[in-house]
Amino acid sequence: MLLKWSREVPETAGVNGMPRLERCPYDGSPVVADAYPGGFVVVSCESCGAAWELHNAFVRRVAEPDWIAVRVASEHRRGASAAIRPRV
């Protein structure tokens, strides 16, 4: 099997080939990105309060999530998906 080298950037890639963070990895809620001078970006989840600092290839969590809010969002999402899927 031959592997083909491609310079195409995948759709899921963000700046500099880094993965885009569109949803919180803890509770699945959409995240908000705020850009600051010097190329820093702070990505935060309004639902659980988790936040990450991004700068070039550097990613660091700057705020831990509220684990109770994560649990509530997870239970809400699980309940909503159970209501959508028919039982077999």
N, C-alpha and C. Protein backbone atom coordinates (compact mmCIF):
# COMPACT_ATOMS: atom_id res chain seq x y z
N MET A 1 0.85 -1.18 0.00
CA MET A 1 0.00 0.00 0.00
C MET A 1 0.89 1.24 0.00
N LEU A 2 0.60 2.17 -0.87
CA LEU A 2 1.35 3.41 -0.94
C LEU A 2 0.62 4.49 -0.16
N LEU A 3 1.40 5.26 0.58
CA LEU A 3 0.83 6.40 1.29
C LEU A 3 1.07 7.65 0.46
N LYS A 4 0.05 8.42 0.28
CA LYS A 4 0.15 9.63 -0.53
C LYS A 4 0.31 10.83 0.39
N TRP A 5 1.35 11.61 0.15
CA TRP A 5 1.58 12.82 0.93
C TRP A 5 0.67 13.91 0.39
N SER A 6 0.04 14.60 1.30
CA SER A 6 -0.87 15.67 0.89
C SER A 6 -0.59 16.91 1.71
N ARG A 7 -0.59 18.04 1.04
CA ARG A 7 -0.42 19.30 1.75
C ARG A 7 -1.75 19.93 2.11
N GLU A 8 -2.83 19.25 1.79
CA GLU A 8 -4.15 19.76 2.12
C GLU A 8 -4.34 19.75 3.63
N VAL A 9 -4.95 20.78 4.12
CA VAL A 9 -5.23 20.88 5.54
C VAL A 9 -6.61 20.29 5.79
N PRO A 10 -6.74 19.34 6.73
CA PRO A 10 -8.05 18.76 6.98
C PRO A 10 -9.05 19.80 7.44
N GLU A 11 -10.34 19.54 7.19
CA GLU A 11 -11.39 20.47 7.59
C GLU A 11 -11.40 20.73 9.09
N THR A 12 -10.95 19.75 9.88
CA THR A 12 -10.99 19.91 11.33
C THR A 12 -9.81 20.71 11.85
N ALA A 13 -8.88 21.10 10.97
CA ALA A 13 -7.70 21.83 11.42
C ALA A 13 -8.01 23.31 11.53
N GLY A 14 -7.41 23.93 12.51
CA GLY A 14 -7.56 25.36 12.72
C GLY A 14 -6.30 26.07 12.29
N VAL A 15 -5.86 27.05 13.04
CA VAL A 15 -4.67 27.83 12.75
C VAL A 15 -3.44 26.95 12.91
N ASN A 16 -2.49 27.05 11.99
CA ASN A 16 -1.23 26.30 12.02
C ASN A 16 -1.44 24.80 12.10
N GLY A 17 -2.53 24.28 11.56
CA GLY A 17 -2.76 22.85 11.57
C GLY A 17 -3.24 22.30 12.90
N MET A 18 -3.42 23.16 13.90
CA MET A 18 -3.91 22.70 15.20
C MET A 18 -5.39 22.34 15.06
N PRO A 19 -5.87 21.38 15.83
CA PRO A 19 -7.30 21.05 15.75
C PRO A 19 -8.15 22.22 16.23
N ARG A 20 -9.27 22.42 15.58
CA ARG A 20 -10.19 23.47 16.03
C ARG A 20 -10.95 22.96 17.24
N LEU A 21 -11.10 23.80 18.20
CA LEU A 21 -11.87 23.45 19.39
C LEU A 21 -13.21 24.16 19.26
N GLU A 22 -14.21 23.45 18.78
CA GLU A 22 -15.53 24.04 18.56
C GLU A 22 -16.50 23.70 19.67
N ARG A 23 -16.26 22.59 20.36
CA ARG A 23 -17.12 22.16 21.47
C ARG A 23 -16.25 21.81 22.66
N CYS A 24 -16.78 22.04 23.83
CA CYS A 24 -16.07 21.73 25.07
C CYS A 24 -15.85 20.21 25.17
N PRO A 25 -14.63 19.78 25.44
CA PRO A 25 -14.40 18.34 25.56
C PRO A 25 -15.03 17.73 26.81
N TYR A 26 -15.44 18.57 27.76
CA TYR A 26 -16.02 18.07 28.99
C TYR A 26 -17.53 17.89 28.91
N ASP A 27 -18.23 18.90 28.37
CA ASP A 27 -19.70 18.80 28.35
C ASP A 27 -20.32 18.92 26.96
N GLY A 28 -19.52 19.13 25.92
CA GLY A 28 -20.03 19.17 24.56
C GLY A 28 -20.71 20.47 24.16
N SER A 29 -20.66 21.49 25.01
CA SER A 29 -21.27 22.78 24.69
C SER A 29 -20.38 23.56 23.72
N PRO A 30 -20.95 24.45 22.92
CA PRO A 30 -20.12 25.29 22.05
C PRO A 30 -19.19 26.17 22.89
N VAL A 31 -18.01 26.47 22.36
CA VAL A 31 -17.05 27.31 23.08
C VAL A 31 -16.93 28.67 22.40
N VAL A 32 -16.40 29.63 23.14
CA VAL A 32 -16.21 30.99 22.65
C VAL A 32 -14.72 31.28 22.64
N ALA A 33 -14.22 31.90 21.57
CA ALA A 33 -12.80 32.24 21.46
C ALA A 33 -12.63 33.75 21.49
N ASP A 34 -11.69 34.22 22.33
CA ASP A 34 -11.36 35.64 22.42
C ASP A 34 -9.89 35.80 22.06
N ALA A 35 -9.59 36.63 21.05
CA ALA A 35 -8.22 36.88 20.61
C ALA A 35 -7.65 38.09 21.34
N TYR A 36 -6.37 38.00 21.69
CA TYR A 36 -5.67 39.07 22.39
C TYR A 36 -4.42 39.45 21.61
N PRO A 37 -3.89 40.66 21.82
CA PRO A 37 -2.67 41.07 21.13
C PRO A 37 -1.53 40.10 21.43
N GLY A 38 -0.67 39.89 20.46
CA GLY A 38 0.44 38.98 20.63
C GLY A 38 0.13 37.58 20.14
N GLY A 39 -1.06 37.37 19.59
CA GLY A 39 -1.41 36.08 19.03
C GLY A 39 -1.99 35.08 20.02
N PHE A 40 -2.31 35.52 21.22
CA PHE A 40 -2.92 34.61 22.19
C PHE A 40 -4.42 34.52 21.95
N VAL A 41 -4.96 33.35 22.14
CA VAL A 41 -6.40 33.13 22.04
C VAL A 41 -6.83 32.39 23.30
N VAL A 42 -7.89 32.85 23.93
CA VAL A 42 -8.46 32.16 25.08
C VAL A 42 -9.79 31.58 24.63
N VAL A 43 -9.90 30.26 24.74
CA VAL A 43 -11.11 29.54 24.37
C VAL A 43 -11.79 29.13 25.67
N SER A 44 -13.08 29.44 25.81
CA SER A 44 -13.76 29.13 27.06
C SER A 44 -15.15 28.56 26.81
N CYS A 45 -15.60 27.77 27.77
CA CYS A 45 -16.93 27.18 27.73
C CYS A 45 -17.80 27.95 28.71
N GLU A 46 -18.86 28.54 28.21
CA GLU A 46 -19.75 29.31 29.08
C GLU A 46 -20.59 28.42 29.97
N SER A 47 -20.73 27.15 29.59
CA SER A 47 -21.55 26.24 30.37
C SER A 47 -20.85 25.75 31.64
N CYS A 48 -19.60 25.28 31.49
CA CYS A 48 -18.90 24.70 32.65
C CYS A 48 -17.77 25.58 33.16
N GLY A 49 -17.37 26.61 32.42
CA GLY A 49 -16.34 27.52 32.89
C GLY A 49 -14.92 27.10 32.56
N ALA A 50 -14.71 25.98 31.87
CA ALA A 50 -13.36 25.57 31.49
C ALA A 50 -12.81 26.56 30.48
N ALA A 51 -11.47 26.78 30.52
CA ALA A 51 -10.85 27.71 29.58
C ALA A 51 -9.46 27.22 29.22
N TRP A 52 -9.06 27.51 27.97
CA TRP A 52 -7.75 27.13 27.46
C TRP A 52 -7.09 28.32 26.82
N GLU A 53 -5.77 28.41 26.96
CA GLU A 53 -4.97 29.45 26.32
C GLU A 53 -4.26 28.79 25.14
N LEU A 54 -4.36 29.39 23.97
CA LEU A 54 -3.71 28.88 22.77
C LEU A 54 -2.74 29.93 22.25
N HIS A 55 -1.54 29.50 21.92
CA HIS A 55 -0.56 30.39 21.30
C HIS A 55 0.36 29.54 20.45
N ASN A 56 0.28 29.68 19.13
CA ASN A 56 1.00 28.84 18.18
C ASN A 56 0.68 27.38 18.49
N ALA A 57 1.68 26.55 18.82
CA ALA A 57 1.43 25.13 19.10
C ALA A 57 1.21 24.88 20.59
N PHE A 58 1.21 25.92 21.39
CA PHE A 58 1.08 25.80 22.83
C PHE A 58 -0.40 25.84 23.23
N VAL A 59 -0.84 24.84 23.99
CA VAL A 59 -2.22 24.80 24.50
C VAL A 59 -2.13 24.50 25.98
N ARG A 60 -2.79 25.31 26.79
CA ARG A 60 -2.75 25.12 28.24
C ARG A 60 -4.12 25.41 28.82
N ARG A 61 -4.57 24.52 29.73
CA ARG A 61 -5.84 24.78 30.40
C ARG A 61 -5.59 25.81 31.49
N VAL A 62 -6.37 26.88 31.50
CA VAL A 62 -6.20 27.94 32.49
C VAL A 62 -7.31 27.96 33.52
N ALA A 63 -8.41 27.26 33.25
CA ALA A 63 -9.50 27.17 34.22
C ALA A 63 -10.11 25.78 34.16
N GLU A 64 -10.21 25.15 35.30
CA GLU A 64 -10.82 23.82 35.37
C GLU A 64 -12.34 23.95 35.28
N PRO A 65 -13.00 22.94 34.73
CA PRO A 65 -14.46 23.03 34.61
C PRO A 65 -15.15 22.84 35.95
N ASP A 66 -16.38 23.32 36.02
CA ASP A 66 -17.26 23.05 37.15
C ASP A 66 -17.84 21.66 36.89
N TRP A 67 -17.37 20.67 37.65
CA TRP A 67 -17.74 19.28 37.37
C TRP A 67 -19.22 19.00 37.58
N ILE A 68 -19.88 19.76 38.44
CA ILE A 68 -21.33 19.59 38.62
C ILE A 68 -22.06 20.04 37.35
N ALA A 69 -21.62 21.17 36.76
CA ALA A 69 -22.22 21.64 35.51
C ALA A 69 -21.97 20.65 34.38
N VAL A 70 -20.79 20.02 34.37
CA VAL A 70 -20.47 19.01 33.36
C VAL A 70 -21.42 17.83 33.50
N ARG A 71 -21.65 17.37 34.72
CA ARG A 71 -22.54 16.24 34.96
C ARG A 71 -23.97 16.57 34.54
N VAL A 72 -24.44 17.77 34.87
CA VAL A 72 -25.81 18.18 34.50
C VAL A 72 -25.96 18.24 32.98
N ALA A 73 -24.97 18.83 32.29
CA ALA A 73 -25.03 18.92 30.83
C ALA A 73 -24.99 17.53 30.20
N SER A 74 -24.18 16.64 30.75
CA SER A 74 -24.09 15.29 30.24
C SER A 74 -25.41 14.54 30.40
N GLU A 75 -26.03 14.69 31.58
CA GLU A 75 -27.32 14.03 31.81
C GLU A 75 -28.40 14.61 30.91
N HIS A 76 -28.36 15.92 30.69
CA HIS A 76 -29.34 16.58 29.82
C HIS A 76 -29.18 16.08 28.39
N ARG A 77 -27.93 15.99 27.93
CA ARG A 77 -27.66 15.52 26.57
C ARG A 77 -28.08 14.06 26.42
N ARG A 78 -27.80 13.24 27.43
CA ARG A 78 -28.17 11.83 27.39
C ARG A 78 -29.69 11.68 27.36
N GLY A 79 -30.38 12.48 28.14
CA GLY A 79 -31.85 12.43 28.15
C GLY A 79 -32.45 12.89 26.84
N ALA A 80 -31.86 13.90 26.23
CA ALA A 80 -32.36 14.40 24.95
C ALA A 80 -32.13 13.38 23.85
N SER A 81 -30.99 12.73 23.86
CA SER A 81 -30.71 11.74 22.81
C SER A 81 -31.58 10.50 22.99
N ALA A 82 -31.91 10.15 24.23
CA ALA A 82 -32.77 9.00 24.46
C ALA A 82 -34.19 9.29 23.97
N ALA A 83 -34.62 10.54 24.06
CA ALA A 83 -35.96 10.90 23.60
C ALA A 83 -36.04 10.89 22.08
N ILE A 84 -34.92 11.15 21.41
CA ILE A 84 -34.91 11.20 19.95
C ILE A 84 -34.86 9.79 19.37
N ARG A 85 -34.03 8.94 19.93
CA ARG A 85 -33.86 7.58 19.39
C ARG A 85 -35.02 6.68 19.74
N PRO A 86 -35.58 5.98 18.77
CA PRO A 86 -36.66 5.05 19.09
C PRO A 86 -36.10 3.82 19.79
N ARG A 87 -36.84 3.31 20.72
CA ARG A 87 -36.43 2.08 21.42
C ARG A 87 -36.76 0.87 20.56
N VAL A 88 -35.85 -0.08 20.57
CA VAL A 88 -36.05 -1.28 19.76
C VAL A 88 -36.30 -2.46 20.67
